[in-house]
N, C-alpha and C. Protein backbone atom coordinates (compact mmCIF):
# COMPACT_ATOMS: atom_id res chain seq x y z
N UNK A 1 8.98 -8.03 -27.12
CA UNK A 1 9.14 -7.46 -28.43
C UNK A 1 9.62 -5.21 -28.08
N UNK A 2 9.77 -5.11 -28.97
CA UNK A 2 10.39 -3.61 -28.97
C UNK A 2 8.87 -3.25 -28.87
N UNK A 3 9.23 -1.51 -29.34
CA UNK A 3 7.81 -1.07 -29.87
C UNK A 3 8.16 0.48 -29.94
N UNK A 4 8.27 0.98 -31.94
CA UNK A 4 8.59 2.52 -30.96
C UNK A 4 8.14 3.79 -30.52
N UNK A 5 8.67 4.53 -29.56
CA UNK A 5 8.73 5.21 -28.73
C UNK A 5 7.05 5.84 -29.16
N UNK A 6 7.28 6.30 -29.79
CA UNK A 6 5.59 7.12 -30.92
C UNK A 6 4.18 6.27 -31.15
N UNK A 7 5.07 4.67 -30.44
CA UNK A 7 3.62 3.74 -30.49
C UNK A 7 3.21 3.37 -29.49
N UNK A 8 3.70 3.83 -28.15
CA UNK A 8 3.09 3.60 -26.63
C UNK A 8 2.77 5.11 -26.34
N UNK A 9 1.74 4.94 -25.24
CA UNK A 9 1.13 5.43 -24.63
C UNK A 9 0.94 5.13 -23.25
N UNK A 10 1.06 5.90 -22.39
CA UNK A 10 1.37 6.10 -20.76
C UNK A 10 0.14 6.39 -20.31
N UNK A 11 0.02 5.94 -19.43
CA UNK A 11 -1.51 6.68 -18.77
C UNK A 11 -1.06 7.90 -18.05
N UNK A 12 -2.21 8.42 -17.86
CA UNK A 12 -1.77 9.81 -16.75
C UNK A 12 -1.35 9.40 -15.61
N UNK A 13 -2.13 8.52 -15.01
CA UNK A 13 -1.90 7.41 -13.32
C UNK A 13 -1.08 7.43 -13.58
N UNK A 14 -0.22 6.05 -14.30
CA UNK A 14 1.21 5.50 -14.39
C UNK A 14 2.24 6.15 -14.09
N UNK A 15 1.58 8.04 -14.58
CA UNK A 15 2.26 8.80 -14.99
C UNK A 15 3.17 9.24 -13.41
N UNK A 16 1.93 9.50 -12.94
CA UNK A 16 1.84 10.67 -11.63
C UNK A 16 2.12 9.40 -10.50
N UNK A 17 1.70 7.80 -10.50
CA UNK A 17 2.96 7.29 -10.06
C UNK A 17 4.28 7.41 -9.78
N UNK A 18 4.70 6.89 -11.19
CA UNK A 18 5.60 7.56 -11.37
C UNK A 18 7.25 8.31 -11.11
N UNK A 19 5.84 9.13 -10.94
CA UNK A 19 7.08 10.94 -10.48
C UNK A 19 6.64 11.67 -8.87
N UNK A 20 5.34 10.45 -8.50
CA UNK A 20 5.14 11.12 -7.32
C UNK A 20 5.91 11.24 -6.62
N UNK A 21 7.65 10.53 -6.30
CA UNK A 21 8.39 10.21 -5.45
C UNK A 21 9.68 11.17 -5.35
N UNK A 22 9.07 12.06 -6.87
CA UNK A 22 9.37 12.76 -7.41
C UNK A 22 11.37 11.85 -8.65
N UNK A 23 12.53 12.31 -9.01
CA UNK A 23 13.10 11.77 -10.05
C UNK A 23 14.68 11.29 -8.80
N UNK A 24 14.60 11.79 -8.13
CA UNK A 24 15.84 10.83 -6.79
C UNK A 24 15.27 9.83 -6.75
N UNK A 25 14.25 9.22 -6.26
CA UNK A 25 13.48 8.02 -5.73
C UNK A 25 12.39 6.94 -6.45
N UNK A 26 12.61 7.11 -7.38
CA UNK A 26 11.01 6.10 -7.88
C UNK A 26 11.21 5.01 -7.29
N UNK A 27 9.68 4.49 -7.75
CA UNK A 27 9.09 3.07 -7.37
C UNK A 27 10.63 2.02 -8.42
N UNK A 28 11.27 1.08 -7.14
CA UNK A 28 11.87 -0.18 -7.85
C UNK A 28 10.93 -1.37 -7.65
N UNK A 29 9.56 -0.96 -8.34
CA UNK A 29 8.73 -2.20 -9.52
C UNK A 29 7.72 -1.28 -9.72
N UNK A 30 7.09 -1.81 -10.47
CA UNK A 30 5.52 -0.89 -11.28
C UNK A 30 4.71 -2.36 -12.03
N UNK A 31 3.80 -2.56 -11.02
CA UNK A 31 3.05 -3.72 -11.76
C UNK A 31 2.25 -2.77 -12.85
N UNK A 32 2.08 -3.37 -14.53
CA UNK A 32 1.12 -2.96 -15.32
C UNK A 32 0.70 -3.55 -16.31
N UNK A 33 -0.50 -2.33 -17.04
CA UNK A 33 -1.21 -3.85 -17.84
C UNK A 33 -0.68 -3.09 -19.12
N UNK A 34 -0.02 -3.66 -19.89
CA UNK A 34 -0.10 -3.47 -21.42
C UNK A 34 -1.16 -3.46 -22.25
N UNK A 35 -2.11 -3.23 -23.53
CA UNK A 35 -2.86 -3.79 -24.21
C UNK A 35 -1.61 -3.57 -25.62
N UNK A 36 -1.95 -3.78 -26.77
CA UNK A 36 -1.72 -3.94 -27.71
C UNK A 36 -2.84 -3.51 -28.97
N UNK A 37 -3.18 -2.30 -28.88
CA UNK A 37 -4.15 -2.39 -30.44
C UNK A 37 -3.71 -2.88 -31.41
N UNK A 38 -4.37 -2.70 -33.12
CA UNK A 38 -4.49 -4.30 -34.07
C UNK A 38 -3.50 -3.05 -34.80
N UNK A 39 -4.09 -1.38 -34.38
CA UNK A 39 -2.73 -1.09 -35.40
C UNK A 39 -1.56 -0.50 -34.93
N UNK A 40 -0.90 -0.84 -33.57
CA UNK A 40 0.92 -0.78 -32.99
C UNK A 40 0.30 -0.23 -32.12
N UNK A 41 -0.82 0.53 -31.62
CA UNK A 41 -0.17 1.12 -30.43
C UNK A 41 -0.76 0.55 -29.17
N UNK A 42 0.56 1.06 -28.26
CA UNK A 42 0.46 0.15 -26.72
C UNK A 42 -0.31 1.28 -25.84
N UNK A 43 -1.59 0.69 -25.14
CA UNK A 43 -1.57 1.45 -24.40
C UNK A 43 -0.53 0.46 -22.55
N UNK A 44 -0.02 1.45 -22.00
CA UNK A 44 0.14 1.33 -20.48
C UNK A 44 -0.38 2.15 -19.28
N UNK A 45 -1.10 1.06 -18.58
CA UNK A 45 -1.29 1.85 -17.14
C UNK A 45 -1.57 0.76 -15.76
N UNK A 46 -2.28 1.35 -15.37
CA UNK A 46 -1.80 0.61 -13.78
C UNK A 46 -2.61 0.14 -14.36
N UNK A 47 -2.72 -1.96 -13.11
CA UNK A 47 -3.39 -2.11 -13.76
C UNK A 47 -5.20 -1.86 -12.16
N UNK A 48 -6.20 -2.87 -13.24
CA UNK A 48 -7.02 -2.27 -12.12
C UNK A 48 -7.51 -3.40 -10.69
N UNK A 49 -7.77 -2.44 -9.77
CA UNK A 49 -7.36 -3.97 -8.71
C UNK A 49 -8.73 -3.33 -7.31
């Protein structure tokens, strides 16, 4: 299901990983962990390994 952009929070570590190779060469696949809270906020981060 789609969520409004304002209701999705991207963790700074995930953001740094996505931009680590620059705008010209982003990663083709990224495994993420998404948590939806009761208030509708969705937190997206790198999975704990």
